[in-house]
Each structure stands twice: as structure tokens, then as C-alpha cells.
Amino acid sequence: IPGGLSPRDVTDPDVQEAAAFAVEKYNAGSKNDYYFKERRVVEAQSQVVSGVKYYLMMELLKTTCKKTVGRPKGYQEIQNCNLPPENQQEEITCRFEVWSRPWLPSTSLTK
């Protein structure tokens, strides 16, 4: 459907790339002292709009990795962070909108 939302496979490489971008940006903007890592992409949709806008619902888990000022971790580093014991784990569900325009050096988190 041109301009409409289309369901996407959560394992699609483009969806995974958008999810990784969203996790990095979430952590950069979060005031939490600890990083959150991707547990899973629950749902993904896309829309063609001067590029592709990805609509993602994701579950994130709080890690034991403390943020260091001036030294942000990338997605892979965050995914390698350990989790606290099961009875202390914190999970959040987030909705992200990632706008990818491959012809520009620009991807942005719009929501």
C-alpha cells in the first residue's frame, strides 16, 4: 500500500538495524544511570515516506552497565551488558519511530 503501513518481519535486517539505532538513541536520551538493552522486537511496521519510517514496539531490559559521561556505548556493547538477578530485573515496553533515508547520511528517531 503506497504511503500506508505495512507489517514487517521482526527478524528483517532493516528492522533489526532500525531497532539497534532506536536502542542507542533511547539510551543517549534517557536520564537513567544504566543502559537498557533490546530483549526483543515485538512488532514492526514500515511506511514509505521520503525514505522508510519504521514503527517498532520493543521490549528493553535494564542492564548492570553504568553509563559513563562522554563515553556512550554502541548497540553491540550494550547488548553484551549483563542483567541483574532475575528478581531485580526491570523491563520496559517502548514504541519507536525511526526514519531512514539511505541517500542521506541521516537516520533519525522521530518518536
PDB file of N, CA and C in Angstrom:
ATOM      1  N   ILE A   1       0.853  -1.175   0.000  1.00  0.00           N
ATOM      2  CA  ILE A   1       0.000   0.000   0.000  1.00  0.00           C
ATOM      3  C   ILE A   1       0.903   1.244   0.000  1.00  0.00           C
ATOM      4  N   PRO A   2       0.950   1.992  -1.095  1.00  0.00           N
ATOM      5  CA  PRO A   2       1.784   3.189  -1.128  1.00  0.00           C
ATOM      6  C   PRO A   2       1.367   4.187  -0.046  1.00  0.00           C
ATOM      7  N   GLY A   3       2.312   4.592   0.775  1.00  0.00           N
ATOM      8  CA  GLY A   3       2.048   5.552   1.838  1.00  0.00           C
ATOM      9  C   GLY A   3       1.395   4.968   3.075  1.00  0.00           C
ATOM     10  N   GLY A   4       0.877   3.732   2.977  1.00  0.00           N
ATOM     11  CA  GLY A   4       0.234   3.101   4.129  1.00  0.00           C
ATOM     12  C   GLY A   4       1.225   2.290   4.943  1.00  0.00           C
ATOM     13  N   LEU A   5       0.787   1.833   6.101  1.00  0.00           N
ATOM     14  CA  LEU A   5       1.630   1.000   6.956  1.00  0.00           C
ATOM     15  C   LEU A   5       1.595  -0.444   6.476  1.00  0.00           C
ATOM     16  N   SER A   6       2.765  -1.064   6.452  1.00  0.00           N
ATOM     17  CA  SER A   6       2.874  -2.470   6.066  1.00  0.00           C
ATOM     18  C   SER A   6       3.550  -3.239   7.186  1.00  0.00           C
ATOM     19  N   PRO A   7       3.014  -4.418   7.536  1.00  0.00           N
ATOM     20  CA  PRO A   7       3.674  -5.230   8.558  1.00  0.00           C
ATOM     21  C   PRO A   7       5.052  -5.670   8.069  1.00  0.00           C
ATOM     22  N   ARG A   8       6.007  -5.774   8.979  1.00  0.00           N
ATOM     23  CA  ARG A   8       7.357  -6.226   8.645  1.00  0.00           C
ATOM     24  C   ARG A   8       7.740  -7.369   9.570  1.00  0.00           C
ATOM     25  N   ASP A   9       8.540  -8.277   9.044  1.00  0.00           N
ATOM     26  CA  ASP A   9       9.073  -9.373   9.850  1.00  0.00           C
ATOM     27  C   ASP A   9      10.057  -8.776  10.851  1.00  0.00           C
ATOM     28  N   VAL A  10       9.911  -9.116  12.129  1.00  0.00           N
ATOM     29  CA  VAL A  10      10.780  -8.533  13.161  1.00  0.00           C
ATOM     30  C   VAL A  10      12.231  -8.980  13.019  1.00  0.00           C
ATOM     31  N   THR A  11      12.477 -10.040  12.223  1.00  0.00           N
ATOM     32  CA  THR A  11      13.854 -10.510  12.017  1.00  0.00           C
ATOM     33  C   THR A  11      14.481  -9.922  10.754  1.00  0.00           C
ATOM     34  N   ASP A  12      13.728  -9.124   9.996  1.00  0.00           N
ATOM     35  CA  ASP A  12      14.245  -8.487   8.784  1.00  0.00           C
ATOM     36  C   ASP A  12      15.469  -7.637   9.139  1.00  0.00           C
ATOM     37  N   PRO A  13      16.552  -7.741   8.362  1.00  0.00           N
ATOM     38  CA  PRO A  13      17.771  -6.974   8.676  1.00  0.00           C
ATOM     39  C   PRO A  13      17.543  -5.462   8.770  1.00  0.00           C
ATOM     40  N   ASP A  14      16.672  -4.903   7.936  1.00  0.00           N
ATOM     41  CA  ASP A  14      16.390  -3.465   8.006  1.00  0.00           C
ATOM     42  C   ASP A  14      15.678  -3.100   9.311  1.00  0.00           C
ATOM     43  N   VAL A  15      14.780  -3.978   9.748  1.00  0.00           N
ATOM     44  CA  VAL A  15      14.076  -3.766  11.017  1.00  0.00           C
ATOM     45  C   VAL A  15      15.076  -3.856  12.169  1.00  0.00           C
ATOM     46  N   GLN A  16      15.970  -4.842  12.109  1.00  0.00           N
ATOM     47  CA  GLN A  16      16.975  -5.004  13.161  1.00  0.00           C
ATOM     48  C   GLN A  16      17.910  -3.795  13.232  1.00  0.00           C
ATOM     49  N   GLU A  17      18.257  -3.257  12.070  1.00  0.00           N
ATOM     50  CA  GLU A  17      19.116  -2.069  12.030  1.00  0.00           C
ATOM     51  C   GLU A  17      18.396  -0.866  12.650  1.00  0.00           C
ATOM     52  N   ALA A  18      17.117  -0.712  12.331  1.00  0.00           N
ATOM     53  CA  ALA A  18      16.325   0.380  12.907  1.00  0.00           C
ATOM     54  C   ALA A  18      16.192   0.197  14.422  1.00  0.00           C
ATOM     55  N   ALA A  19      16.022  -1.049  14.867  1.00  0.00           N
ATOM     56  CA  ALA A  19      15.902  -1.342  16.299  1.00  0.00           C
ATOM     57  C   ALA A  19      17.198  -1.001  17.034  1.00  0.00           C
ATOM     58  N   ALA A  20      18.334  -1.357  16.447  1.00  0.00           N
ATOM     59  CA  ALA A  20      19.634  -1.055  17.058  1.00  0.00           C
ATOM     60  C   ALA A  20      19.807   0.458  17.195  1.00  0.00           C
ATOM     61  N   PHE A  21      19.436   1.187  16.151  1.00  0.00           N
ATOM     62  CA  PHE A  21      19.513   2.649  16.170  1.00  0.00           C
ATOM     63  C   PHE A  21      18.629   3.203  17.292  1.00  0.00           C
ATOM     64  N   ALA A  22      17.409   2.668  17.416  1.00  0.00           N
ATOM     65  CA  ALA A  22      16.470   3.137  18.437  1.00  0.00           C
ATOM     66  C   ALA A  22      17.021   2.901  19.842  1.00  0.00           C
ATOM     67  N   VAL A  23      17.636   1.740  20.069  1.00  0.00           N
ATOM     68  CA  VAL A  23      18.201   1.427  21.389  1.00  0.00           C
ATOM     69  C   VAL A  23      19.325   2.407  21.736  1.00  0.00           C
ATOM     70  N   GLU A  24      20.202   2.669  20.781  1.00  0.00           N
ATOM     71  CA  GLU A  24      21.296   3.622  21.029  1.00  0.00           C
ATOM     72  C   GLU A  24      20.749   5.007  21.365  1.00  0.00           C
ATOM     73  N   LYS A  25      19.784   5.476  20.571  1.00  0.00           N
ATOM     74  CA  LYS A  25      19.220   6.811  20.792  1.00  0.00           C
ATOM     75  C   LYS A  25      18.425   6.875  22.096  1.00  0.00           C
ATOM     76  N   TYR A  26      17.709   5.794  22.420  1.00  0.00           N
ATOM     77  CA  TYR A  26      16.960   5.754  23.681  1.00  0.00           C
ATOM     78  C   TYR A  26      17.928   5.933  24.853  1.00  0.00           C
ATOM     79  N   ASN A  27      19.007   5.166  24.845  1.00  0.00           N
ATOM     80  CA  ASN A  27      19.972   5.239  25.936  1.00  0.00           C
ATOM     81  C   ASN A  27      20.654   6.598  26.004  1.00  0.00           C
ATOM     82  N   ALA A  28      20.928   7.197  24.851  1.00  0.00           N
ATOM     83  CA  ALA A  28      21.568   8.516  24.826  1.00  0.00           C
ATOM     84  C   ALA A  28      20.650   9.580  25.433  1.00  0.00           C
ATOM     85  N   GLY A  29      19.342   9.432  25.243  1.00  0.00           N
ATOM     86  CA  GLY A  29      18.396  10.425  25.736  1.00  0.00           C
ATOM     87  C   GLY A  29      17.818  10.132  27.108  1.00  0.00           C
ATOM     88  N   SER A  30      18.012   8.909  27.591  1.00  0.00           N
ATOM     89  CA  SER A  30      17.455   8.502  28.876  1.00  0.00           C
ATOM     90  C   SER A  30      18.270   9.080  30.029  1.00  0.00           C
ATOM     91  N   LYS A  31      17.589   9.482  31.082  1.00  0.00           N
ATOM     92  CA  LYS A  31      18.275  10.007  32.263  1.00  0.00           C
ATOM     93  C   LYS A  31      18.653   8.889  33.237  1.00  0.00           C
ATOM     94  N   ASN A  32      18.325   7.650  32.893  1.00  0.00           N
ATOM     95  CA  ASN A  32      18.672   6.521  33.751  1.00  0.00           C
ATOM     96  C   ASN A  32      20.191   6.363  33.802  1.00  0.00           C
ATOM     97  N   ASP A  33      20.723   5.976  34.939  1.00  0.00           N
ATOM     98  CA  ASP A  33      22.175   5.797  35.095  1.00  0.00           C
ATOM     99  C   ASP A  33      22.682   4.524  34.425  1.00  0.00           C
ATOM    100  N   TYR A  34      21.768   3.619  34.081  1.00  0.00           N
ATOM    101  CA  TYR A  34      22.155   2.330  33.500  1.00  0.00           C
ATOM    102  C   TYR A  34      21.597   2.184  32.087  1.00  0.00           C
ATOM    103  N   TYR A  35      22.295   1.395  31.293  1.00  0.00           N
ATOM    104  CA  TYR A  35      21.851   1.126  29.926  1.00  0.00           C
ATOM    105  C   TYR A  35      20.698   0.131  29.914  1.00  0.00           C
ATOM    106  N   PHE A  36      19.827   0.271  28.915  1.00  0.00           N
ATOM    107  CA  PHE A  36      18.783  -0.710  28.621  1.00  0.00           C
ATOM    108  C   PHE A  36      19.154  -1.382  27.313  1.00  0.00           C
ATOM    109  N   LYS A  37      18.983  -2.704  27.252  1.00  0.00           N
ATOM    110  CA  LYS A  37      19.284  -3.419  26.012  1.00  0.00           C
ATOM    111  C   LYS A  37      18.027  -4.059  25.453  1.00  0.00           C
ATOM    112  N   GLU A  38      18.097  -4.387  24.176  1.00  0.00           N
ATOM    113  CA  GLU A  38      16.955  -4.987  23.484  1.00  0.00           C
ATOM    114  C   GLU A  38      16.711  -6.401  23.989  1.00  0.00           C
ATOM    115  N   ARG A  39      15.481  -6.640  24.423  1.00  0.00           N
ATOM    116  CA  ARG A  39      15.076  -8.013  24.715  1.00  0.00           C
ATOM    117  C   ARG A  39      14.540  -8.629  23.427  1.00  0.00           C
ATOM    118  N   ARG A  40      13.609  -7.873  22.791  1.00  0.00           N
ATOM    119  CA  ARG A  40      13.075  -8.337  21.509  1.00  0.00           C
ATOM    120  C   ARG A  40      12.258  -7.235  20.851  1.00  0.00           C
ATOM    121  N   VAL A  41      12.130  -7.367  19.536  1.00  0.00           N
ATOM    122  CA  VAL A  41      11.208  -6.518  18.789  1.00  0.00           C
ATOM    123  C   VAL A  41       9.884  -7.275  18.783  1.00  0.00           C
ATOM    124  N   VAL A  42       8.863  -6.691  19.358  1.00  0.00           N
ATOM    125  CA  VAL A  42       7.558  -7.340  19.477  1.00  0.00           C
ATOM    126  C   VAL A  42       6.783  -7.226  18.170  1.00  0.00           C
ATOM    127  N   GLU A  43       6.833  -6.021  17.579  1.00  0.00           N
ATOM    128  CA  GLU A  43       6.055  -5.756  16.366  1.00  0.00           C
ATOM    129  C   GLU A  43       6.783  -4.714  15.532  1.00  0.00           C
ATOM    130  N   ALA A  44       6.699  -4.862  14.219  1.00  0.00           N
ATOM    131  CA  ALA A  44       7.338  -3.894  13.322  1.00  0.00           C
ATOM    132  C   ALA A  44       6.438  -3.623  12.123  1.00  0.00           C
ATOM    133  N   GLN A  45       6.370  -2.349  11.750  1.00  0.00           N
ATOM    134  CA  GLN A  45       5.662  -1.925  10.547  1.00  0.00           C
ATOM    135  C   GLN A  45       6.534  -0.889   9.863  1.00  0.00           C
ATOM    136  N   SER A  46       6.298  -0.693   8.578  1.00  0.00           N
ATOM    137  CA  SER A  46       7.036   0.350   7.868  1.00  0.00           C
ATOM    138  C   SER A  46       6.091   1.119   6.965  1.00  0.00           C
ATOM    139  N   GLN A  47       6.546   2.316   6.596  1.00  0.00           N
ATOM    140  CA  GLN A  47       5.776   3.203   5.732  1.00  0.00           C
ATOM    141  C   GLN A  47       6.776   3.922   4.833  1.00  0.00           C
ATOM    142  N   VAL A  48       6.481   3.961   3.537  1.00  0.00           N
ATOM    143  CA  VAL A  48       7.354   4.663   2.601  1.00  0.00           C
ATOM    144  C   VAL A  48       6.969   6.140   2.607  1.00  0.00           C
ATOM    145  N   VAL A  49       7.892   6.994   3.080  1.00  0.00           N
ATOM    146  CA  VAL A  49       7.680   8.444   3.163  1.00  0.00           C
ATOM    147  C   VAL A  49       9.030   9.135   2.986  1.00  0.00           C
ATOM    148  N   SER A  50       9.406   9.481   1.753  1.00  0.00           N
ATOM    149  CA  SER A  50      10.733  10.071   1.508  1.00  0.00           C
ATOM    150  C   SER A  50      11.783   9.262   2.247  1.00  0.00           C
ATOM    151  N   GLY A  51      11.799   7.991   1.990  1.00  0.00           N
ATOM    152  CA  GLY A  51      12.621   7.037   2.723  1.00  0.00           C
ATOM    153  C   GLY A  51      11.673   6.031   3.341  1.00  0.00           C
ATOM    154  N   VAL A  52      12.085   5.448   4.434  1.00  0.00           N
ATOM    155  CA  VAL A  52      11.234   4.475   5.113  1.00  0.00           C
ATOM    156  C   VAL A  52      11.143   4.848   6.587  1.00  0.00           C
ATOM    157  N   LYS A  53       9.912   4.890   7.083  1.00  0.00           N
ATOM    158  CA  LYS A  53       9.705   5.112   8.511  1.00  0.00           C
ATOM    159  C   LYS A  53       9.319   3.764   9.119  1.00  0.00           C
ATOM    160  N   TYR A  54      10.076   3.360  10.135  1.00  0.00           N
ATOM    161  CA  TYR A  54       9.815   2.101  10.835  1.00  0.00           C
ATOM    162  C   TYR A  54       9.088   2.408  12.140  1.00  0.00           C
ATOM    163  N   TYR A  55       8.015   1.688  12.379  1.00  0.00           N
ATOM    164  CA  TYR A  55       7.256   1.788  13.619  1.00  0.00           C
ATOM    165  C   TYR A  55       7.531   0.507  14.389  1.00  0.00           C
ATOM    166  N   LEU A  56       8.194   0.631  15.528  1.00  0.00           N
ATOM    167  CA  LEU A  56       8.633  -0.539  16.282  1.00  0.00           C
ATOM    168  C   LEU A  56       8.047  -0.543  17.685  1.00  0.00           C
ATOM    169  N   MET A  57       7.610  -1.715  18.131  1.00  0.00           N
ATOM    170  CA  MET A  57       7.292  -1.922  19.538  1.00  0.00           C
ATOM    171  C   MET A  57       8.364  -2.875  20.047  1.00  0.00           C
ATOM    172  N   MET A  58       9.087  -2.447  21.093  1.00  0.00           N
ATOM    173  CA  MET A  58      10.214  -3.217  21.589  1.00  0.00           C
ATOM    174  C   MET A  58      10.149  -3.380  23.097  1.00  0.00           C
ATOM    175  N   GLU A  59      10.695  -4.499  23.562  1.00  0.00           N
ATOM    176  CA  GLU A  59      10.888  -4.713  24.992  1.00  0.00           C
ATOM    177  C   GLU A  59      12.366  -4.506  25.283  1.00  0.00           C
ATOM    178  N   LEU A  60      12.650  -3.684  26.289  1.00  0.00           N
ATOM    179  CA  LEU A  60      14.023  -3.405  26.698  1.00  0.00           C
ATOM    180  C   LEU A  60      14.211  -3.838  28.147  1.00  0.00           C
ATOM    181  N   LEU A  61      15.425  -4.286  28.459  1.00  0.00           N
ATOM    182  CA  LEU A  61      15.767  -4.708  29.817  1.00  0.00           C
ATOM    183  C   LEU A  61      16.887  -3.835  30.362  1.00  0.00           C
ATOM    184  N   LYS A  62      16.759  -3.433  31.620  1.00  0.00           N
ATOM    185  CA  LYS A  62      17.804  -2.644  32.273  1.00  0.00           C
ATOM    186  C   LYS A  62      18.997  -3.554  32.552  1.00  0.00           C
ATOM    187  N   THR A  63      20.193  -3.058  32.240  1.00  0.00           N
ATOM    188  CA  THR A  63      21.417  -3.842  32.438  1.00  0.00           C
ATOM    189  C   THR A  63      22.153  -3.372  33.695  1.00  0.00           C
ATOM    190  N   THR A  64      23.267  -4.026  33.974  1.00  0.00           N
ATOM    191  CA  THR A  64      24.120  -3.617  35.093  1.00  0.00           C
ATOM    192  C   THR A  64      25.226  -2.674  34.623  1.00  0.00           C
ATOM    193  N   CYS A  65      25.247  -2.326  33.331  1.00  0.00           N
ATOM    194  CA  CYS A  65      26.264  -1.411  32.792  1.00  0.00           C
ATOM    195  C   CYS A  65      25.880   0.029  33.108  1.00  0.00           C
ATOM    196  N   LYS A  66      26.735   0.681  33.858  1.00  0.00           N
ATOM    197  CA  LYS A  66      26.510   2.080  34.229  1.00  0.00           C
ATOM    198  C   LYS A  66      27.027   2.984  33.112  1.00  0.00           C
ATOM    199  N   LYS A  67      26.287   4.036  32.842  1.00  0.00           N
ATOM    200  CA  LYS A  67      26.704   4.987  31.809  1.00  0.00           C
ATOM    201  C   LYS A  67      27.911   5.790  32.289  1.00  0.00           C
ATOM    202  N   THR A  68      28.817   6.078  31.359  1.00  0.00           N
ATOM    203  CA  THR A  68      29.987   6.900  31.637  1.00  0.00           C
ATOM    204  C   THR A  68      29.868   8.167  30.798  1.00  0.00           C
ATOM    205  N   VAL A  69      29.942   9.315  31.439  1.00  0.00           N
ATOM    206  CA  VAL A  69      29.815  10.598  30.734  1.00  0.00           C
ATOM    207  C   VAL A  69      30.901  10.711  29.665  1.00  0.00           C
ATOM    208  N   GLY A  70      30.478  11.080  28.451  1.00  0.00           N
ATOM    209  CA  GLY A  70      31.426  11.279  27.357  1.00  0.00           C
ATOM    210  C   GLY A  70      31.883  10.005  26.677  1.00  0.00           C
ATOM    211  N   ARG A  71      31.392   8.853  27.115  1.00  0.00           N
ATOM    212  CA  ARG A  71      31.799   7.579  26.520  1.00  0.00           C
ATOM    213  C   ARG A  71      30.569   6.691  26.328  1.00  0.00           C
ATOM    214  N   PRO A  72      29.669   7.079  25.395  1.00  0.00           N
ATOM    215  CA  PRO A  72      28.468   6.262  25.177  1.00  0.00           C
ATOM    216  C   PRO A  72      28.808   4.921  24.532  1.00  0.00           C
ATOM    217  N   LYS A  73      28.084   3.902  24.926  1.00  0.00           N
ATOM    218  CA  LYS A  73      28.274   2.569  24.343  1.00  0.00           C
ATOM    219  C   LYS A  73      27.444   2.449  23.068  1.00  0.00           C
ATOM    220  N   GLY A  74      27.952   1.677  22.115  1.00  0.00           N
ATOM    221  CA  GLY A  74      27.211   1.358  20.909  1.00  0.00           C
ATOM    222  C   GLY A  74      26.294   0.175  21.158  1.00  0.00           C
ATOM    223  N   TYR A  75      25.449  -0.133  20.182  1.00  0.00           N
ATOM    224  CA  TYR A  75      24.447  -1.189  20.320  1.00  0.00           C
ATOM    225  C   TYR A  75      25.057  -2.524  20.732  1.00  0.00           C
ATOM    226  N   GLN A  76      26.116  -2.972  20.039  1.00  0.00           N
ATOM    227  CA  GLN A  76      26.699  -4.285  20.350  1.00  0.00           C
ATOM    228  C   GLN A  76      27.249  -4.328  21.769  1.00  0.00           C
ATOM    229  N   GLU A  77      27.893  -3.249  22.194  1.00  0.00           N
ATOM    230  CA  GLU A  77      28.404  -3.189  23.570  1.00  0.00           C
ATOM    231  C   GLU A  77      27.254  -3.279  24.573  1.00  0.00           C
ATOM    232  N   ILE A  78      26.174  -2.564  24.284  1.00  0.00           N
ATOM    233  CA  ILE A  78      25.014  -2.575  25.179  1.00  0.00           C
ATOM    234  C   ILE A  78      24.421  -3.980  25.252  1.00  0.00           C
ATOM    235  N   GLN A  79      24.308  -4.639  24.094  1.00  0.00           N
ATOM    236  CA  GLN A  79      23.730  -5.992  24.062  1.00  0.00           C
ATOM    237  C   GLN A  79      24.585  -6.988  24.848  1.00  0.00           C
ATOM    238  N   ASN A  80      25.887  -6.695  25.007  1.00  0.00           N
ATOM    239  CA  ASN A  80      26.781  -7.578  25.765  1.00  0.00           C
ATOM    240  C   ASN A  80      26.741  -7.314  27.267  1.00  0.00           C
ATOM    241  N   CYS A  81      26.047  -6.276  27.693  1.00  0.00           N
ATOM    242  CA  CYS A  81      25.948  -5.962  29.120  1.00  0.00           C
ATOM    243  C   CYS A  81      25.164  -7.052  29.847  1.00  0.00           C
ATOM    244  N   ASN A  82      25.550  -7.294  31.084  1.00  0.00           N
ATOM    245  CA  ASN A  82      24.864  -8.294  31.909  1.00  0.00           C
ATOM    246  C   ASN A  82      23.572  -7.726  32.478  1.00  0.00           C
ATOM    247  N   LEU A  83      22.697  -8.642  32.879  1.00  0.00           N
ATOM    248  CA  LEU A  83      21.438  -8.274  33.520  1.00  0.00           C
ATOM    249  C   LEU A  83      21.555  -8.504  35.019  1.00  0.00           C
ATOM    250  N   PRO A  84      20.806  -7.758  35.827  1.00  0.00           N
ATOM    251  CA  PRO A  84      20.794  -8.033  37.267  1.00  0.00           C
ATOM    252  C   PRO A  84      20.105  -9.373  37.528  1.00  0.00           C
ATOM    253  N   PRO A  85      20.164  -9.878  38.777  1.00  0.00           N
ATOM    254  CA  PRO A  85      19.452 -11.123  39.094  1.00  0.00           C
ATOM    255  C   PRO A  85      17.981 -11.012  38.692  1.00  0.00           C
ATOM    256  N   GLU A  86      17.384 -12.141  38.354  1.00  0.00           N
ATOM    257  CA  GLU A  86      16.022 -12.156  37.802  1.00  0.00           C
ATOM    258  C   GLU A  86      15.006 -11.397  38.650  1.00  0.00           C
ATOM    259  N   ASN A  87      15.110 -11.496  39.975  1.00  0.00           N
ATOM    260  CA  ASN A  87      14.127 -10.831  40.844  1.00  0.00           C
ATOM    261  C   ASN A  87      14.334  -9.316  40.910  1.00  0.00           C
ATOM    262  N   GLN A  88      15.413  -8.807  40.275  1.00  0.00           N
ATOM    263  CA  GLN A  88      15.678  -7.364  40.271  1.00  0.00           C
ATOM    264  C   GLN A  88      15.605  -6.766  38.864  1.00  0.00           C
ATOM    265  N   GLN A  89      15.182  -7.565  37.898  1.00  0.00           N
ATOM    266  CA  GLN A  89      15.167  -7.083  36.513  1.00  0.00           C
ATOM    267  C   GLN A  89      14.039  -6.082  36.280  1.00  0.00           C
ATOM    268  N   GLU A  90      14.342  -5.112  35.442  1.00  0.00           N
ATOM    269  CA  GLU A  90      13.363  -4.086  35.068  1.00  0.00           C
ATOM    270  C   GLU A  90      13.179  -4.137  33.556  1.00  0.00           C
ATOM    271  N   GLU A  91      11.937  -4.341  33.127  1.00  0.00           N
ATOM    272  CA  GLU A  91      11.626  -4.404  31.694  1.00  0.00           C
ATOM    273  C   GLU A  91      10.671  -3.271  31.350  1.00  0.00           C
ATOM    274  N   ILE A  92      10.926  -2.646  30.202  1.00  0.00           N
ATOM    275  CA  ILE A  92      10.020  -1.608  29.725  1.00  0.00           C
ATOM    276  C   ILE A  92       9.626  -1.928  28.284  1.00  0.00           C
ATOM    277  N   THR A  93       8.442  -1.499  27.903  1.00  0.00           N
ATOM    278  CA  THR A  93       7.988  -1.638  26.523  1.00  0.00           C
ATOM    279  C   THR A  93       7.949  -0.241  25.920  1.00  0.00           C
ATOM    280  N   CYS A  94       8.593  -0.098  24.760  1.00  0.00           N
ATOM    281  CA  CYS A  94       8.699   1.211  24.109  1.00  0.00           C
ATOM    282  C   CYS A  94       8.179   1.135  22.681  1.00  0.00           C
ATOM    283  N   ARG A  95       7.628   2.238  22.231  1.00  0.00           N
ATOM    284  CA  ARG A  95       7.266   2.396  20.819  1.00  0.00           C
ATOM    285  C   ARG A  95       8.210   3.431  20.222  1.00  0.00           C
ATOM    286  N   PHE A  96       8.851   3.054  19.131  1.00  0.00           N
ATOM    287  CA  PHE A  96       9.794   3.942  18.461  1.00  0.00           C
ATOM    288  C   PHE A  96       9.366   4.162  17.022  1.00  0.00           C
ATOM    289  N   GLU A  97       9.684   5.339  16.491  1.00  0.00           N
ATOM    290  CA  GLU A  97       9.556   5.621  15.061  1.00  0.00           C
ATOM    291  C   GLU A  97      10.943   6.011  14.574  1.00  0.00           C
ATOM    292  N   VAL A  98      11.469   5.250  13.628  1.00  0.00           N
ATOM    293  CA  VAL A  98      12.798   5.508  13.077  1.00  0.00           C
ATOM    294  C   VAL A  98      12.634   5.831  11.602  1.00  0.00           C
ATOM    295  N   TRP A  99      13.133   6.984  11.198  1.00  0.00           N
ATOM    296  CA  TRP A  99      13.022   7.430   9.806  1.00  0.00           C
ATOM    297  C   TRP A  99      14.368   7.263   9.135  1.00  0.00           C
ATOM    298  N   SER A 100      14.417   6.370   8.160  1.00  0.00           N
ATOM    299  CA  SER A 100      15.653   6.075   7.434  1.00  0.00           C
ATOM    300  C   SER A 100      15.579   6.657   6.029  1.00  0.00           C
ATOM    301  N   ARG A 101      16.600   7.430   5.680  1.00  0.00           N
ATOM    302  CA  ARG A 101      16.720   7.985   4.331  1.00  0.00           C
ATOM    303  C   ARG A 101      18.114   7.614   3.825  1.00  0.00           C
ATOM    304  N   PRO A 102      18.232   6.431   3.199  1.00  0.00           N
ATOM    305  CA  PRO A 102      19.549   5.894   2.834  1.00  0.00           C
ATOM    306  C   PRO A 102      20.385   6.795   1.932  1.00  0.00           C
ATOM    307  N   TRP A 103      19.754   7.641   1.126  1.00  0.00           N
ATOM    308  CA  TRP A 103      20.519   8.505   0.223  1.00  0.00           C
ATOM    309  C   TRP A 103      21.132   9.694   0.967  1.00  0.00           C
ATOM    310  N   LEU A 104      20.726   9.914   2.210  1.00  0.00           N
ATOM    311  CA  LEU A 104      21.306  10.967   3.045  1.00  0.00           C
ATOM    312  C   LEU A 104      22.049  10.290   4.198  1.00  0.00           C
ATOM    313  N   PRO A 105      23.089  10.917   4.706  1.00  0.00           N
ATOM    314  CA  PRO A 105      23.737  10.326   5.884  1.00  0.00           C
ATOM    315  C   PRO A 105      22.903  10.646   7.129  1.00  0.00           C
ATOM    316  N   SER A 106      21.615  10.277   7.066  1.00  0.00           N
ATOM    317  CA  SER A 106      20.714  10.712   8.122  1.00  0.00           C
ATOM    318  C   SER A 106      19.668   9.657   8.424  1.00  0.00           C
ATOM    319  N   THR A 107      19.695   9.185   9.657  1.00  0.00           N
ATOM    320  CA  THR A 107      18.617   8.372  10.199  1.00  0.00           C
ATOM    321  C   THR A 107      18.212   9.098  11.466  1.00  0.00           C
ATOM    322  N   SER A 108      16.918   9.170  11.743  1.00  0.00           N
ATOM    323  CA  SER A 108      16.516   9.889  12.945  1.00  0.00           C
ATOM    324  C   SER A 108      15.433   9.135  13.692  1.00  0.00           C
ATOM    325  N   LEU A 109      15.449   9.335  15.005  1.00  0.00           N
ATOM    326  CA  LEU A 109      14.419   8.791  15.872  1.00  0.00           C
ATOM    327  C   LEU A 109      13.392   9.898  16.008  1.00  0.00           C
ATOM    328  N   THR A 110      12.206   9.686  15.429  1.00  0.00           N
ATOM    329  CA  THR A 110      11.210  10.754  15.434  1.00  0.00           C
ATOM    330  C   THR A 110      10.263  10.648  16.618  1.00  0.00           C
ATOM    331  N   LYS A 111      10.225   9.511  17.260  1.00  0.00           N
ATOM    332  CA  LYS A 111       9.383   9.319  18.443  1.00  0.00           C
ATOM    333  C   LYS A 111       9.951   8.230  19.304  1.00  0.00           C
TER     334      LYS A 111
END
